[in-house]
């Protein structure tokens, strides 16, 4: 690992990851899980996400190559999952069946695909070629600290926003999430089509 810390790289990587993870935009979804009495463990969510993302930073391309899957195909598949989640948020329906033990939503869909999802994976693979690994990991750690704080104090956020605010935010960010899914899909499906030419 390159231990040459660079504040500019850390800030740049942090901003990119923060925008993709969009933990603030996912607050209505987190609140809906808690409202449905589905457990969410803040420490586990942030810790598991950090471990998965660091592991993918080192072994992501190798794992995809092992299964003969390129980054664009992976991003297209992930965009479909994100699209389905956005449909849940906008139309108030449940497509994502919760079959996790004890009704927990920590691993699915919070850790994957909301936090450690295809967009984040793709960003990590891209940044690996530009930034020192230590700087990317530092940016990841800072983002996971924010994830922990947001999940840990969801009740305070709920009181601050109220039921009406949560409802409006859920619909609004559902549309934003759908737009991100569409952008991720179109950008990578174009790459796939060009590779077939």
N, C-alpha and C. Protein backbone atom coordinates (compact mmCIF):
# COMPACT_ATOMS: atom_id res chain seq x y z
N UNK A 1 0.84 -1.20 0.00
CA UNK A 1 0.00 0.00 0.00
C UNK A 1 0.88 1.25 0.00
N UNK A 2 0.47 2.28 -0.73
CA UNK A 2 1.18 3.54 -0.75
C UNK A 2 0.70 4.39 0.42
N UNK A 3 1.63 4.71 1.36
CA UNK A 3 1.25 5.44 2.55
C UNK A 3 1.53 6.95 2.42
N UNK A 4 1.70 7.42 1.18
CA UNK A 4 1.91 8.84 0.95
C UNK A 4 0.55 9.56 0.99
N UNK A 5 0.17 10.04 2.17
CA UNK A 5 -1.13 10.69 2.31
C UNK A 5 -1.14 12.04 1.59
N UNK A 6 -2.22 12.28 0.89
CA UNK A 6 -2.39 13.51 0.12
C UNK A 6 -3.78 14.05 0.44
N UNK A 7 -3.85 15.21 1.08
CA UNK A 7 -5.13 15.78 1.51
C UNK A 7 -6.05 16.03 0.32
N UNK A 8 -5.49 16.48 -0.79
CA UNK A 8 -6.30 16.75 -1.98
C UNK A 8 -6.96 15.47 -2.49
N UNK A 9 -6.19 14.39 -2.54
CA UNK A 9 -6.73 13.10 -2.98
C UNK A 9 -7.80 12.59 -2.02
N UNK A 10 -7.54 12.76 -0.71
CA UNK A 10 -8.50 12.29 0.28
C UNK A 10 -9.83 13.04 0.14
N UNK A 11 -9.75 14.36 0.02
CA UNK A 11 -10.97 15.16 -0.11
C UNK A 11 -11.71 14.81 -1.40
N UNK A 12 -10.96 14.67 -2.49
CA UNK A 12 -11.57 14.34 -3.78
C UNK A 12 -12.27 12.98 -3.73
N UNK A 13 -11.57 11.97 -3.20
CA UNK A 13 -12.16 10.63 -3.10
C UNK A 13 -13.35 10.63 -2.15
N UNK A 14 -13.26 11.41 -1.06
CA UNK A 14 -14.35 11.49 -0.10
C UNK A 14 -15.62 12.04 -0.75
N UNK A 15 -15.46 13.12 -1.50
CA UNK A 15 -16.62 13.76 -2.14
C UNK A 15 -17.27 12.81 -3.15
N UNK A 16 -16.46 12.13 -3.94
CA UNK A 16 -17.00 11.19 -4.93
C UNK A 16 -17.78 10.07 -4.24
N UNK A 17 -17.19 9.47 -3.22
CA UNK A 17 -17.84 8.38 -2.51
C UNK A 17 -19.09 8.85 -1.76
N UNK A 18 -19.01 10.05 -1.16
CA UNK A 18 -20.15 10.58 -0.43
C UNK A 18 -21.35 10.79 -1.35
N UNK A 19 -21.07 11.28 -2.56
CA UNK A 19 -22.15 11.52 -3.52
C UNK A 19 -22.77 10.22 -3.99
N UNK A 20 -21.94 9.19 -4.18
CA UNK A 20 -22.46 7.91 -4.68
C UNK A 20 -23.20 7.15 -3.58
N UNK A 21 -22.61 7.11 -2.39
CA UNK A 21 -23.26 6.41 -1.27
C UNK A 21 -24.57 7.11 -0.90
N UNK A 22 -24.54 8.46 -0.87
CA UNK A 22 -25.73 9.27 -0.63
C UNK A 22 -26.51 8.82 0.59
N UNK A 23 -25.81 8.73 1.73
CA UNK A 23 -26.46 8.25 2.95
C UNK A 23 -27.55 9.21 3.42
N UNK A 24 -27.39 10.50 3.19
CA UNK A 24 -28.43 11.46 3.58
C UNK A 24 -29.69 11.28 2.74
N UNK A 25 -29.51 10.98 1.47
CA UNK A 25 -30.65 10.75 0.60
C UNK A 25 -31.39 9.46 0.92
N UNK A 26 -30.70 8.55 1.61
CA UNK A 26 -31.32 7.27 1.96
C UNK A 26 -32.00 7.29 3.32
N UNK A 27 -31.97 8.43 4.00
CA UNK A 27 -32.58 8.51 5.33
C UNK A 27 -34.05 8.07 5.34
N UNK A 28 -34.87 8.51 4.36
CA UNK A 28 -36.27 8.04 4.37
C UNK A 28 -36.39 6.52 4.28
N UNK A 29 -35.50 5.89 3.52
CA UNK A 29 -35.53 4.44 3.41
C UNK A 29 -35.14 3.79 4.72
N UNK A 30 -34.11 4.31 5.39
CA UNK A 30 -33.70 3.77 6.69
C UNK A 30 -34.83 3.91 7.71
N UNK A 31 -35.50 5.05 7.69
CA UNK A 31 -36.61 5.28 8.62
C UNK A 31 -37.77 4.34 8.36
N UNK A 32 -38.00 4.02 7.08
CA UNK A 32 -39.10 3.11 6.76
C UNK A 32 -38.80 1.71 7.28
N UNK A 33 -37.55 1.28 7.25
CA UNK A 33 -37.18 -0.02 7.79
C UNK A 33 -37.44 -0.06 9.29
N UNK A 34 -37.05 1.01 9.97
CA UNK A 34 -37.24 1.07 11.41
C UNK A 34 -38.71 1.14 11.76
N UNK A 35 -39.49 1.84 10.93
CA UNK A 35 -40.92 1.94 11.16
C UNK A 35 -41.62 0.61 10.98
N UNK A 36 -41.05 -0.25 10.14
CA UNK A 36 -41.62 -1.59 9.93
C UNK A 36 -41.06 -2.61 10.91
N UNK A 37 -40.36 -2.11 11.96
CA UNK A 37 -39.75 -2.99 12.97
C UNK A 37 -38.73 -3.96 12.39
N UNK A 38 -38.00 -3.48 11.41
CA UNK A 38 -36.92 -4.27 10.83
C UNK A 38 -35.62 -3.72 11.37
N UNK A 39 -34.85 -4.56 12.03
CA UNK A 39 -33.68 -4.08 12.75
C UNK A 39 -32.58 -3.59 11.81
N UNK A 40 -31.92 -2.52 12.24
CA UNK A 40 -30.78 -1.97 11.53
C UNK A 40 -29.69 -1.70 12.56
N UNK A 41 -28.54 -2.35 12.41
CA UNK A 41 -27.44 -2.18 13.34
C UNK A 41 -26.43 -1.20 12.75
N UNK A 42 -26.32 0.02 13.32
CA UNK A 42 -25.44 1.05 12.74
C UNK A 42 -23.98 0.62 12.67
N UNK A 43 -23.46 0.01 13.74
CA UNK A 43 -22.06 -0.39 13.77
C UNK A 43 -21.78 -1.48 12.74
N UNK A 44 -22.66 -2.48 12.69
CA UNK A 44 -22.48 -3.56 11.72
C UNK A 44 -22.57 -3.03 10.29
N UNK A 45 -23.53 -2.15 10.04
CA UNK A 45 -23.71 -1.63 8.69
C UNK A 45 -22.47 -0.89 8.22
N UNK A 46 -21.93 -0.01 9.06
CA UNK A 46 -20.74 0.75 8.67
C UNK A 46 -19.51 -0.12 8.60
N UNK A 47 -19.37 -1.06 9.56
CA UNK A 47 -18.18 -1.92 9.59
C UNK A 47 -18.18 -2.90 8.42
N UNK A 48 -19.33 -3.57 8.17
CA UNK A 48 -19.41 -4.51 7.06
C UNK A 48 -19.18 -3.81 5.73
N UNK A 49 -19.76 -2.63 5.59
CA UNK A 49 -19.58 -1.88 4.34
C UNK A 49 -18.11 -1.53 4.12
N UNK A 50 -17.45 -1.08 5.18
CA UNK A 50 -16.03 -0.72 5.08
C UNK A 50 -15.19 -1.92 4.68
N UNK A 51 -15.43 -3.05 5.33
CA UNK A 51 -14.66 -4.27 5.03
C UNK A 51 -14.89 -4.72 3.59
N UNK A 52 -16.16 -4.73 3.16
CA UNK A 52 -16.49 -5.15 1.79
C UNK A 52 -15.84 -4.23 0.76
N UNK A 53 -15.92 -2.92 1.00
CA UNK A 53 -15.39 -1.97 0.03
C UNK A 53 -13.86 -2.00 -0.04
N UNK A 54 -13.21 -2.16 1.11
CA UNK A 54 -11.75 -2.27 1.10
C UNK A 54 -11.32 -3.56 0.39
N UNK A 55 -12.04 -4.65 0.66
CA UNK A 55 -11.73 -5.91 0.00
C UNK A 55 -11.91 -5.79 -1.51
N UNK A 56 -12.99 -5.10 -1.92
CA UNK A 56 -13.23 -4.94 -3.35
C UNK A 56 -12.19 -4.02 -3.98
N UNK A 57 -11.70 -3.05 -3.21
CA UNK A 57 -10.67 -2.14 -3.71
C UNK A 57 -9.44 -2.91 -4.15
N UNK A 58 -9.12 -3.97 -3.40
CA UNK A 58 -7.94 -4.77 -3.72
C UNK A 58 -8.23 -5.90 -4.71
N UNK A 59 -9.40 -6.53 -4.55
CA UNK A 59 -9.65 -7.76 -5.31
C UNK A 59 -10.82 -7.68 -6.28
N UNK A 60 -11.41 -6.47 -6.43
CA UNK A 60 -12.61 -6.34 -7.24
C UNK A 60 -12.46 -6.80 -8.67
N UNK A 61 -11.47 -6.25 -9.35
CA UNK A 61 -11.30 -6.61 -10.76
C UNK A 61 -10.94 -8.08 -10.92
N UNK A 62 -10.17 -8.61 -9.97
CA UNK A 62 -9.79 -10.03 -10.01
C UNK A 62 -11.01 -10.92 -9.87
N UNK A 63 -11.91 -10.56 -8.93
CA UNK A 63 -13.12 -11.35 -8.71
C UNK A 63 -14.03 -11.31 -9.94
N UNK A 64 -14.20 -10.13 -10.52
CA UNK A 64 -15.03 -10.02 -11.72
C UNK A 64 -14.44 -10.82 -12.88
N UNK A 65 -13.13 -10.75 -13.04
CA UNK A 65 -12.48 -11.51 -14.11
C UNK A 65 -12.61 -13.01 -13.89
N UNK A 66 -12.62 -13.41 -12.62
CA UNK A 66 -12.75 -14.83 -12.29
C UNK A 66 -14.06 -15.40 -12.80
N UNK A 67 -15.11 -14.56 -12.76
CA UNK A 67 -16.43 -14.99 -13.23
C UNK A 67 -16.71 -14.48 -14.64
N UNK A 68 -15.67 -13.98 -15.30
CA UNK A 68 -15.79 -13.47 -16.67
C UNK A 68 -16.86 -12.38 -16.77
N UNK A 69 -16.87 -11.49 -15.76
CA UNK A 69 -17.80 -10.37 -15.74
C UNK A 69 -17.00 -9.08 -15.79
N UNK A 70 -17.30 -8.22 -16.74
CA UNK A 70 -16.59 -6.94 -16.80
C UNK A 70 -17.31 -5.91 -15.93
N UNK A 71 -16.64 -4.79 -15.69
CA UNK A 71 -17.17 -3.76 -14.79
C UNK A 71 -18.49 -3.20 -15.31
N UNK A 72 -18.60 -3.03 -16.62
CA UNK A 72 -19.82 -2.47 -17.20
C UNK A 72 -21.01 -3.40 -16.98
N UNK A 73 -20.82 -4.69 -17.16
CA UNK A 73 -21.90 -5.65 -16.93
C UNK A 73 -22.33 -5.64 -15.47
N UNK A 74 -21.35 -5.54 -14.59
CA UNK A 74 -21.63 -5.49 -13.16
C UNK A 74 -22.44 -4.25 -12.80
N UNK A 75 -22.06 -3.13 -13.39
CA UNK A 75 -22.75 -1.87 -13.11
C UNK A 75 -24.18 -1.89 -13.64
N UNK A 76 -24.39 -2.50 -14.82
CA UNK A 76 -25.74 -2.60 -15.38
C UNK A 76 -26.63 -3.44 -14.48
N UNK A 77 -26.12 -4.58 -14.02
CA UNK A 77 -26.90 -5.45 -13.12
C UNK A 77 -27.24 -4.72 -11.82
N UNK A 78 -26.26 -4.02 -11.28
CA UNK A 78 -26.49 -3.29 -10.04
C UNK A 78 -27.48 -2.15 -10.21
N UNK A 79 -27.46 -1.51 -11.37
CA UNK A 79 -28.39 -0.40 -11.61
C UNK A 79 -29.84 -0.89 -11.60
N UNK A 80 -30.07 -2.12 -12.03
CA UNK A 80 -31.42 -2.68 -12.01
C UNK A 80 -31.91 -2.89 -10.58
N UNK A 81 -31.00 -3.32 -9.69
CA UNK A 81 -31.36 -3.48 -8.28
C UNK A 81 -31.71 -2.12 -7.67
N UNK A 82 -30.90 -1.11 -7.95
CA UNK A 82 -31.15 0.24 -7.44
C UNK A 82 -32.48 0.77 -7.98
N UNK A 83 -32.77 0.46 -9.24
CA UNK A 83 -34.02 0.90 -9.87
C UNK A 83 -35.22 0.31 -9.13
N UNK A 84 -35.14 -0.97 -8.76
CA UNK A 84 -36.23 -1.62 -8.05
C UNK A 84 -36.45 -0.98 -6.69
N UNK A 85 -35.35 -0.66 -6.00
CA UNK A 85 -35.45 0.00 -4.70
C UNK A 85 -36.14 1.36 -4.84
N UNK A 86 -35.82 2.07 -5.91
CA UNK A 86 -36.44 3.38 -6.13
C UNK A 86 -37.94 3.23 -6.39
N UNK A 87 -38.34 2.16 -7.05
CA UNK A 87 -39.77 1.90 -7.28
C UNK A 87 -40.49 1.68 -5.95
N UNK A 88 -39.82 0.95 -5.03
CA UNK A 88 -40.39 0.75 -3.70
C UNK A 88 -40.63 2.09 -3.01
N UNK A 89 -39.65 2.98 -3.11
CA UNK A 89 -39.74 4.27 -2.42
C UNK A 89 -40.82 5.15 -3.01
N UNK A 90 -40.93 5.16 -4.34
CA UNK A 90 -41.87 6.06 -5.01
C UNK A 90 -43.31 5.58 -4.88
N UNK A 91 -43.53 4.27 -5.11
CA UNK A 91 -44.90 3.75 -5.16
C UNK A 91 -45.35 3.08 -3.87
N UNK A 92 -44.47 2.99 -2.87
CA UNK A 92 -44.86 2.43 -1.58
C UNK A 92 -45.21 0.96 -1.63
N UNK A 93 -44.52 0.22 -2.49
CA UNK A 93 -44.75 -1.23 -2.59
C UNK A 93 -43.49 -1.97 -2.16
N UNK A 94 -43.64 -3.24 -1.83
CA UNK A 94 -42.49 -4.04 -1.42
C UNK A 94 -42.16 -5.06 -2.50
N UNK A 95 -41.04 -4.84 -3.17
CA UNK A 95 -40.54 -5.78 -4.17
C UNK A 95 -39.40 -6.58 -3.58
N UNK A 96 -38.59 -5.91 -2.75
CA UNK A 96 -37.43 -6.51 -2.14
C UNK A 96 -37.86 -7.36 -0.96
N UNK A 97 -38.02 -8.66 -1.15
CA UNK A 97 -38.47 -9.54 -0.08
C UNK A 97 -37.41 -9.62 1.01
N UNK A 98 -37.84 -9.43 2.26
CA UNK A 98 -36.92 -9.50 3.39
C UNK A 98 -36.86 -10.92 3.92
N UNK A 99 -35.81 -11.65 3.52
CA UNK A 99 -35.67 -13.04 3.98
C UNK A 99 -34.44 -13.20 4.86
N UNK A 100 -33.93 -12.07 5.40
CA UNK A 100 -32.76 -12.14 6.28
C UNK A 100 -33.19 -12.66 7.65
N UNK A 101 -32.29 -13.38 8.37
CA UNK A 101 -32.63 -13.92 9.69
C UNK A 101 -33.03 -12.82 10.66
N UNK A 102 -34.16 -13.04 11.34
CA UNK A 102 -34.60 -12.09 12.36
C UNK A 102 -35.16 -10.80 11.81
N UNK A 103 -35.41 -10.73 10.51
CA UNK A 103 -35.96 -9.53 9.93
C UNK A 103 -34.97 -8.39 9.81
N UNK A 104 -33.69 -8.69 9.86
CA UNK A 104 -32.68 -7.64 9.78
C UNK A 104 -32.55 -7.11 8.36
N UNK A 105 -32.38 -5.79 8.27
CA UNK A 105 -32.15 -5.17 6.97
C UNK A 105 -30.72 -4.62 6.90
N UNK A 106 -29.87 -5.01 7.84
CA UNK A 106 -28.52 -4.46 7.89
C UNK A 106 -27.72 -4.85 6.66
N UNK A 107 -27.71 -6.16 6.34
CA UNK A 107 -26.91 -6.63 5.21
C UNK A 107 -27.56 -6.30 3.88
N UNK A 108 -28.83 -6.66 3.73
CA UNK A 108 -29.58 -6.39 2.50
C UNK A 108 -30.86 -5.67 2.87
N UNK A 109 -31.12 -4.50 2.33
CA UNK A 109 -30.36 -3.84 1.27
C UNK A 109 -29.45 -2.70 1.75
N UNK A 110 -29.24 -2.52 3.09
CA UNK A 110 -28.48 -1.35 3.52
C UNK A 110 -26.99 -1.46 3.14
N UNK A 111 -26.33 -2.56 3.59
CA UNK A 111 -24.92 -2.73 3.22
C UNK A 111 -24.81 -2.90 1.72
N UNK A 112 -25.56 -3.84 1.18
CA UNK A 112 -25.60 -4.03 -0.28
C UNK A 112 -27.07 -4.07 -0.72
N UNK A 113 -27.45 -3.22 -1.69
CA UNK A 113 -26.59 -2.40 -2.55
C UNK A 113 -26.56 -0.91 -2.20
N UNK A 114 -27.20 -0.48 -1.09
CA UNK A 114 -27.29 0.96 -0.85
C UNK A 114 -25.94 1.60 -0.54
N UNK A 115 -25.13 0.97 0.32
CA UNK A 115 -23.83 1.55 0.68
C UNK A 115 -22.71 0.94 -0.17
N UNK A 116 -22.52 -0.35 -0.03
CA UNK A 116 -21.50 -1.05 -0.81
C UNK A 116 -22.16 -1.62 -2.06
N UNK A 117 -22.50 -0.74 -2.98
CA UNK A 117 -23.22 -1.15 -4.18
C UNK A 117 -22.38 -1.02 -5.43
N UNK A 118 -22.98 -1.30 -6.57
CA UNK A 118 -22.24 -1.28 -7.85
C UNK A 118 -21.66 0.07 -8.20
N UNK A 119 -22.37 1.14 -7.85
CA UNK A 119 -21.84 2.46 -8.13
C UNK A 119 -20.56 2.72 -7.34
N UNK A 120 -20.57 2.33 -6.06
CA UNK A 120 -19.39 2.50 -5.21
C UNK A 120 -18.25 1.61 -5.69
N UNK A 121 -18.57 0.36 -6.06
CA UNK A 121 -17.55 -0.55 -6.56
C UNK A 121 -16.89 0.01 -7.82
N UNK A 122 -17.72 0.50 -8.74
CA UNK A 122 -17.20 1.04 -9.99
C UNK A 122 -16.31 2.25 -9.72
N UNK A 123 -16.74 3.12 -8.78
CA UNK A 123 -15.94 4.30 -8.44
C UNK A 123 -14.60 3.90 -7.85
N UNK A 124 -14.60 2.88 -7.00
CA UNK A 124 -13.36 2.43 -6.39
C UNK A 124 -12.38 1.91 -7.43
N UNK A 125 -12.89 1.14 -8.39
CA UNK A 125 -12.02 0.63 -9.44
C UNK A 125 -11.43 1.76 -10.27
N UNK A 126 -12.22 2.80 -10.48
CA UNK A 126 -11.74 3.94 -11.27
C UNK A 126 -10.70 4.73 -10.49
N UNK A 127 -10.97 4.98 -9.20
CA UNK A 127 -10.05 5.77 -8.39
C UNK A 127 -8.74 5.05 -8.11
N UNK A 128 -8.78 3.73 -8.13
CA UNK A 128 -7.56 2.94 -7.85
C UNK A 128 -6.44 3.30 -8.83
N UNK A 129 -6.82 3.67 -10.05
CA UNK A 129 -5.81 4.01 -11.06
C UNK A 129 -5.28 5.43 -10.89
N UNK A 130 -5.99 6.27 -10.11
CA UNK A 130 -5.61 7.68 -10.00
C UNK A 130 -5.06 8.06 -8.64
N UNK A 131 -5.58 7.46 -7.58
CA UNK A 131 -5.23 7.87 -6.22
C UNK A 131 -4.43 6.79 -5.51
N UNK A 132 -3.66 7.22 -4.51
CA UNK A 132 -2.95 6.27 -3.66
C UNK A 132 -3.97 5.49 -2.83
N UNK A 133 -3.72 4.21 -2.63
CA UNK A 133 -4.66 3.35 -1.92
C UNK A 133 -4.96 3.86 -0.51
N UNK A 134 -3.93 4.34 0.18
CA UNK A 134 -4.12 4.84 1.54
C UNK A 134 -5.10 6.01 1.57
N UNK A 135 -5.05 6.85 0.57
CA UNK A 135 -5.96 8.01 0.52
C UNK A 135 -7.40 7.57 0.26
N UNK A 136 -7.58 6.56 -0.58
CA UNK A 136 -8.92 6.04 -0.86
C UNK A 136 -9.51 5.41 0.40
N UNK A 137 -8.69 4.63 1.11
CA UNK A 137 -9.15 3.97 2.33
C UNK A 137 -9.50 5.00 3.40
N UNK A 138 -8.72 6.07 3.50
CA UNK A 138 -9.03 7.13 4.45
C UNK A 138 -10.37 7.78 4.12
N UNK A 139 -10.60 8.05 2.84
CA UNK A 139 -11.87 8.63 2.40
C UNK A 139 -13.03 7.68 2.69
N UNK A 140 -12.80 6.40 2.50
CA UNK A 140 -13.81 5.38 2.81
C UNK A 140 -14.15 5.38 4.29
N UNK A 141 -13.11 5.43 5.12
CA UNK A 141 -13.32 5.41 6.57
C UNK A 141 -14.16 6.61 7.02
N UNK A 142 -13.86 7.77 6.48
CA UNK A 142 -14.61 8.98 6.83
C UNK A 142 -16.07 8.86 6.42
N UNK A 143 -16.30 8.29 5.25
CA UNK A 143 -17.69 8.09 4.79
C UNK A 143 -18.43 7.10 5.68
N UNK A 144 -17.75 6.03 6.11
CA UNK A 144 -18.40 5.05 6.97
C UNK A 144 -18.69 5.63 8.35
N UNK A 145 -17.85 6.58 8.80
CA UNK A 145 -18.12 7.25 10.07
C UNK A 145 -19.42 8.05 9.97
N UNK A 146 -19.62 8.69 8.83
CA UNK A 146 -20.86 9.45 8.61
C UNK A 146 -22.06 8.52 8.54
N UNK A 147 -21.89 7.37 7.87
CA UNK A 147 -22.95 6.37 7.79
C UNK A 147 -23.36 5.93 9.19
N UNK A 148 -22.36 5.67 10.03
CA UNK A 148 -22.64 5.24 11.40
C UNK A 148 -23.43 6.30 12.17
N UNK A 149 -22.99 7.55 12.07
CA UNK A 149 -23.66 8.65 12.79
C UNK A 149 -25.11 8.80 12.34
N UNK A 150 -25.33 8.74 11.03
CA UNK A 150 -26.70 8.89 10.51
C UNK A 150 -27.59 7.76 10.99
N UNK A 151 -27.10 6.52 10.90
CA UNK A 151 -27.91 5.37 11.32
C UNK A 151 -28.10 5.35 12.84
N UNK A 152 -27.09 5.80 13.56
CA UNK A 152 -27.15 5.77 15.02
C UNK A 152 -28.20 6.76 15.55
N UNK A 153 -28.37 7.89 14.87
CA UNK A 153 -29.26 8.94 15.36
C UNK A 153 -30.49 9.12 14.46
N UNK A 154 -30.99 8.02 13.93
CA UNK A 154 -32.16 8.06 13.07
C UNK A 154 -33.39 8.61 13.80
N UNK A 155 -33.54 8.27 15.07
CA UNK A 155 -34.70 8.74 15.83
C UNK A 155 -34.71 10.26 15.93
N UNK A 156 -33.53 10.84 16.15
CA UNK A 156 -33.44 12.30 16.22
C UNK A 156 -33.80 12.92 14.88
N UNK A 157 -33.34 12.28 13.81
CA UNK A 157 -33.67 12.76 12.46
C UNK A 157 -35.17 12.67 12.22
N UNK A 158 -35.75 11.56 12.70
CA UNK A 158 -37.19 11.35 12.54
C UNK A 158 -37.98 12.45 13.24
N UNK A 159 -37.60 12.77 14.48
CA UNK A 159 -38.29 13.82 15.23
C UNK A 159 -38.14 15.17 14.56
N UNK A 160 -36.96 15.40 13.99
CA UNK A 160 -36.69 16.67 13.34
C UNK A 160 -37.54 16.85 12.08
N UNK A 161 -37.69 15.76 11.31
CA UNK A 161 -38.36 15.83 10.03
C UNK A 161 -39.87 15.66 10.14
N UNK A 162 -40.32 14.80 11.05
CA UNK A 162 -41.74 14.52 11.16
C UNK A 162 -42.20 13.55 10.08
N UNK A 163 -43.43 13.03 10.22
CA UNK A 163 -43.93 12.03 9.28
C UNK A 163 -44.11 12.61 7.88
N UNK A 164 -44.62 13.84 7.81
CA UNK A 164 -44.82 14.45 6.50
C UNK A 164 -43.50 14.67 5.77
N UNK A 165 -42.50 15.14 6.52
CA UNK A 165 -41.20 15.37 5.92
C UNK A 165 -40.57 14.09 5.42
N UNK A 166 -40.72 13.01 6.20
CA UNK A 166 -40.19 11.71 5.79
C UNK A 166 -40.87 11.24 4.51
N UNK A 167 -42.19 11.40 4.45
CA UNK A 167 -42.94 10.96 3.27
C UNK A 167 -42.49 11.70 2.01
N UNK A 168 -42.38 13.03 2.13
CA UNK A 168 -41.97 13.83 0.98
C UNK A 168 -40.54 13.48 0.56
N UNK A 169 -39.65 13.37 1.53
CA UNK A 169 -38.25 13.04 1.22
C UNK A 169 -38.13 11.67 0.58
N UNK A 170 -38.93 10.73 1.07
CA UNK A 170 -38.87 9.36 0.52
C UNK A 170 -39.25 9.37 -0.96
N UNK A 171 -40.31 10.11 -1.30
CA UNK A 171 -40.74 10.17 -2.70
C UNK A 171 -39.70 10.91 -3.55
N UNK A 172 -39.21 12.03 -3.01
CA UNK A 172 -38.26 12.84 -3.76
C UNK A 172 -36.97 12.08 -4.03
N UNK A 173 -36.41 11.48 -2.96
CA UNK A 173 -35.15 10.76 -3.14
C UNK A 173 -35.34 9.44 -3.86
N UNK A 174 -36.56 8.93 -3.88
CA UNK A 174 -36.84 7.77 -4.71
C UNK A 174 -36.65 8.11 -6.18
N UNK A 175 -37.12 9.28 -6.56
CA UNK A 175 -36.94 9.74 -7.95
C UNK A 175 -35.47 9.99 -8.25
N UNK A 176 -34.75 10.59 -7.26
CA UNK A 176 -33.31 10.82 -7.44
C UNK A 176 -32.58 9.50 -7.61
N UNK A 177 -32.94 8.52 -6.77
CA UNK A 177 -32.31 7.20 -6.85
C UNK A 177 -32.60 6.54 -8.19
N UNK A 178 -33.82 6.70 -8.69
CA UNK A 178 -34.18 6.16 -9.99
C UNK A 178 -33.35 6.81 -11.10
N UNK A 179 -33.16 8.12 -10.98
CA UNK A 179 -32.36 8.84 -11.97
C UNK A 179 -30.91 8.34 -11.96
N UNK A 180 -30.37 8.10 -10.76
CA UNK A 180 -29.00 7.58 -10.66
C UNK A 180 -28.92 6.19 -11.30
N UNK A 181 -29.94 5.36 -11.06
CA UNK A 181 -29.96 4.02 -11.65
C UNK A 181 -30.00 4.09 -13.16
N UNK A 182 -30.84 4.99 -13.69
CA UNK A 182 -30.94 5.15 -15.14
C UNK A 182 -29.62 5.63 -15.74
N UNK A 183 -28.99 6.60 -15.06
CA UNK A 183 -27.71 7.12 -15.55
C UNK A 183 -26.64 6.04 -15.54
N UNK A 184 -26.60 5.26 -14.45
CA UNK A 184 -25.63 4.17 -14.34
C UNK A 184 -25.88 3.12 -15.42
N UNK A 185 -27.17 2.85 -15.68
CA UNK A 185 -27.52 1.86 -16.69
C UNK A 185 -27.13 2.33 -18.09
N UNK A 186 -27.54 3.54 -18.45
CA UNK A 186 -27.29 4.03 -19.81
C UNK A 186 -25.80 4.20 -20.10
N UNK A 187 -25.06 4.68 -19.09
CA UNK A 187 -23.62 4.89 -19.29
C UNK A 187 -22.90 3.58 -19.55
N UNK A 188 -23.31 2.54 -18.85
CA UNK A 188 -22.59 1.26 -18.97
C UNK A 188 -23.15 0.37 -20.07
N UNK A 189 -24.44 0.49 -20.38
CA UNK A 189 -24.98 -0.31 -21.48
C UNK A 189 -24.40 0.17 -22.80
N UNK A 190 -24.11 1.47 -22.88
CA UNK A 190 -23.46 2.02 -24.07
C UNK A 190 -22.07 1.43 -24.24
N UNK A 191 -21.35 1.29 -23.14
CA UNK A 191 -20.02 0.69 -23.18
C UNK A 191 -20.09 -0.77 -23.62
N UNK A 192 -21.12 -1.47 -23.12
CA UNK A 192 -21.29 -2.88 -23.49
C UNK A 192 -21.57 -3.02 -24.98
N UNK A 193 -22.43 -2.18 -25.52
CA UNK A 193 -22.75 -2.24 -26.95
C UNK A 193 -21.54 -1.94 -27.80
N UNK A 194 -20.71 -0.98 -27.35
CA UNK A 194 -19.52 -0.65 -28.13
C UNK A 194 -18.53 -1.80 -28.12
N UNK A 195 -18.49 -2.57 -27.02
CA UNK A 195 -17.57 -3.70 -26.95
C UNK A 195 -17.98 -4.83 -27.88
N UNK A 196 -19.27 -4.84 -28.30
CA UNK A 196 -19.75 -5.88 -29.20
C UNK A 196 -19.53 -5.53 -30.66
N UNK A 197 -19.18 -4.28 -30.93
CA UNK A 197 -19.00 -3.87 -32.30
C UNK A 197 -17.70 -4.42 -32.88
